[in-house]
C-alpha atoms as a PDB file:
ATOM      1  CA  MET A   1      81.449 104.978  45.232  1.00  0.00           C
ATOM      2  CA  LYS A   2      84.645 106.895  44.317  1.00  0.00           C
ATOM      3  CA  THR A   3      85.565 110.356  44.994  1.00  0.00           C
ATOM      4  CA  ALA A   4      87.752 112.405  42.410  1.00  0.00           C
ATOM      5  CA  TYR A   5      90.603 114.503  43.734  1.00  0.00           C
ATOM      6  CA  ASP A   6      93.543 116.713  42.615  1.00  0.00           C
ATOM      7  CA  PHE A   7      96.740 117.133  44.207  1.00  0.00           C
ATOM      8  CA  THR A   8      99.888 118.738  44.095  1.00  0.00           C
ATOM      9  CA  VAL A   9     103.005 117.537  45.948  1.00  0.00           C
ATOM     10  CA  ASP A  10     105.362 120.090  48.026  1.00  0.00           C
ATOM     11  CA  ASP A  11     105.383 123.439  46.329  1.00  0.00           C
ATOM     12  CA  GLU A  12     103.972 122.555  42.816  1.00  0.00           C
ATOM     13  CA  GLU A  13     101.418 124.976  41.405  1.00  0.00           C
ATOM     14  CA  TYR A  14      97.726 124.183  41.096  1.00  0.00           C
ATOM     15  CA  PRO A  15      96.225 123.487  38.585  1.00  0.00           C
ATOM     16  CA  ASP A  16      99.164 123.277  36.167  1.00  0.00           C
ATOM     17  CA  GLU A  17     101.149 120.700  37.858  1.00  0.00           C
ATOM     18  CA  ALA A  18      98.389 118.965  39.553  1.00  0.00           C
ATOM     19  CA  TYR A  19      97.745 114.992  39.512  1.00  0.00           C
ATOM     20  CA  SER A  20      94.115 113.540  39.349  1.00  0.00           C
ATOM     21  CA  PHE A  21      93.195 110.271  40.961  1.00  0.00           C
ATOM     22  CA  GLU A  22      90.245 108.503  42.541  1.00  0.00           C
ATOM     23  CA  THR A  23      89.779 106.968  45.617  1.00  0.00           C
ATOM     24  CA  ILE A  24      87.005 105.195  48.105  1.00  0.00           C
ATOM     25  CA  TRP A  25      87.651 107.937  50.733  1.00  0.00           C
ATOM     26  CA  GLY A  26      85.289 110.995  50.682  1.00  0.00           C
ATOM     27  CA  THR A  27      86.063 114.315  52.323  1.00  0.00           C
ATOM     28  CA  ASP A  28      85.210 112.972  55.726  1.00  0.00           C
ATOM     29  CA  TYR A  29      88.451 111.196  55.677  1.00  0.00           C
ATOM     30  CA  LEU A  30      90.879 113.323  53.881  1.00  0.00           C
ATOM     31  CA  LYS A  31      94.005 111.717  55.828  1.00  0.00           C
ATOM     32  CA  TYR A  32      93.371 108.578  54.070  1.00  0.00           C
ATOM     33  CA  ALA A  33      92.654 110.204  50.690  1.00  0.00           C
ATOM     34  CA  ALA A  34      96.146 111.950  51.082  1.00  0.00           C
ATOM     35  CA  GLU A  35      97.731 108.335  51.740  1.00  0.00           C
ATOM     36  CA  ASP A  36      96.055 107.190  48.538  1.00  0.00           C
ATOM     37  CA  ALA A  37      97.221 110.559  46.716  1.00  0.00           C
ATOM     38  CA  ALA A  38     101.082 109.848  48.029  1.00  0.00           C
ATOM     39  CA  ASP A  39     100.536 106.025  46.868  1.00  0.00           C
ATOM     40  CA  PHE A  40      99.085 107.200  43.644  1.00  0.00           C
ATOM     41  CA  TYR A  41     102.085 109.528  43.007  1.00  0.00           C
ATOM     42  CA  TYR A  42     104.673 107.009  44.305  1.00  0.00           C
ATOM     43  CA  THR A  43     103.426 104.416  41.881  1.00  0.00           C
ATOM     44  CA  LYS A  44     102.710 106.421  38.778  1.00  0.00           C
ATOM     45  CA  HIS A  45     105.195 109.304  38.657  1.00  0.00           C
ATOM     46  CA  ALA A  46     107.986 109.062  41.168  1.00  0.00           C
ATOM     47  CA  ALA A  47     110.329 107.204  38.511  1.00  0.00           C
ATOM     48  CA  GLU A  48     109.953 110.281  36.217  1.00  0.00           C
ATOM     49  CA  ASP A  49     109.881 112.795  38.802  1.00  0.00           C
ATOM     50  CA  PRO A  50     111.237 111.384  42.173  1.00  0.00           C
ATOM     51  CA  LYS A  51     110.939 113.110  45.324  1.00  0.00           C
ATOM     52  CA  LEU A  52     111.747 112.047  48.661  1.00  0.00           C
ATOM     53  CA  PHE A  53     109.397 111.450  51.373  1.00  0.00           C
ATOM     54  CA  PRO A  54     108.063 112.914  53.488  1.00  0.00           C
ATOM     55  CA  LEU A  55     105.951 114.680  50.926  1.00  0.00           C
ATOM     56  CA  VAL A  56     103.280 117.519  51.378  1.00  0.00           C
ATOM     57  CA  ILE A  57     100.199 116.345  49.817  1.00  0.00           C
ATOM     58  CA  ASN A  58      98.101 119.400  49.097  1.00  0.00           C
ATOM     59  CA  LEU A  59      94.616 117.684  48.163  1.00  0.00           C
ATOM     60  CA  TYR A  60      91.916 119.766  45.883  1.00  0.00           C
ATOM     61  CA  GLY A  61      88.193 118.872  45.406  1.00  0.00           C
ATOM     62  CA  LYS A  62      86.557 120.778  42.762  1.00  0.00           C
ATOM     63  CA  GLY A  63      89.185 123.039  42.519  1.00  0.00           C
ATOM     64  CA  ILE A  64      89.443 124.310  46.083  1.00  0.00           C
ATOM     65  CA  LEU A  65      92.019 123.461  48.422  1.00  0.00           C
ATOM     66  CA  LEU A  66      90.735 120.915  51.153  1.00  0.00           C
ATOM     67  CA  GLY A  67      93.850 120.678  53.285  1.00  0.00           C
ATOM     68  CA  SER A  68      97.669 119.755  53.151  1.00  0.00           C
ATOM     69  CA  PHE A  69      98.978 116.674  54.729  1.00  0.00           C
ATOM     70  CA  GLU A  70     102.510 115.442  55.221  1.00  0.00           C
ATOM     71  CA  VAL A  71     102.875 111.854  54.271  1.00  0.00           C
ATOM     72  CA  ILE A  72     105.911 109.494  55.135  1.00  0.00           C
ATOM     73  CA  VAL A  73     106.456 106.152  53.804  1.00  0.00           C
ATOM     74  CA  GLU A  74     107.141 103.020  55.840  1.00  0.00           C
ATOM     75  CA  PHE A  75     109.153 100.076  54.547  1.00  0.00           C
ATOM     76  CA  GLU A  76     108.806  96.883  55.996  1.00  0.00           C
ATOM     77  CA  PRO A  77     110.689  93.877  55.304  1.00  0.00           C
ATOM     78  CA  VAL A  78     109.415  91.185  53.616  1.00  0.00           C
ATOM     79  CA  PHE A  79     110.698  87.698  54.028  1.00  0.00           C
ATOM     80  CA  SER A  80     110.355  84.728  51.471  1.00  0.00           C
ATOM     81  CA  ALA A  81     111.577  81.301  51.822  1.00  0.00           C
ATOM     82  CA  GLY A  82     112.265  78.578  49.368  1.00  0.00           C
ATOM     83  CA  GLU A  83     113.295  74.714  49.995  1.00  0.00           C
ATOM     84  CA  LYS A  84     117.142  74.356  50.024  1.00  0.00           C
ATOM     85  CA  LYS A  85     117.828  71.395  47.890  1.00  0.00           C
END
């Protein structure tokens, strides 16, 4: 079962500038829900409204502020090899 949340980034105003998303993380795991919110923001909205990490994710459930979380992004290199001919 998924849980629906709203969130704002940094000092954006709720509800006017809020984003909505769903995640598998319920209210007992808000840290992970905030990470999913940051991923949602990065994937869906960063190109049109880029903000630099770390972000402050303000997480709302049913219009109530559940918590504010600072989220960082970690980049790990990925290596791919192909046979040289």
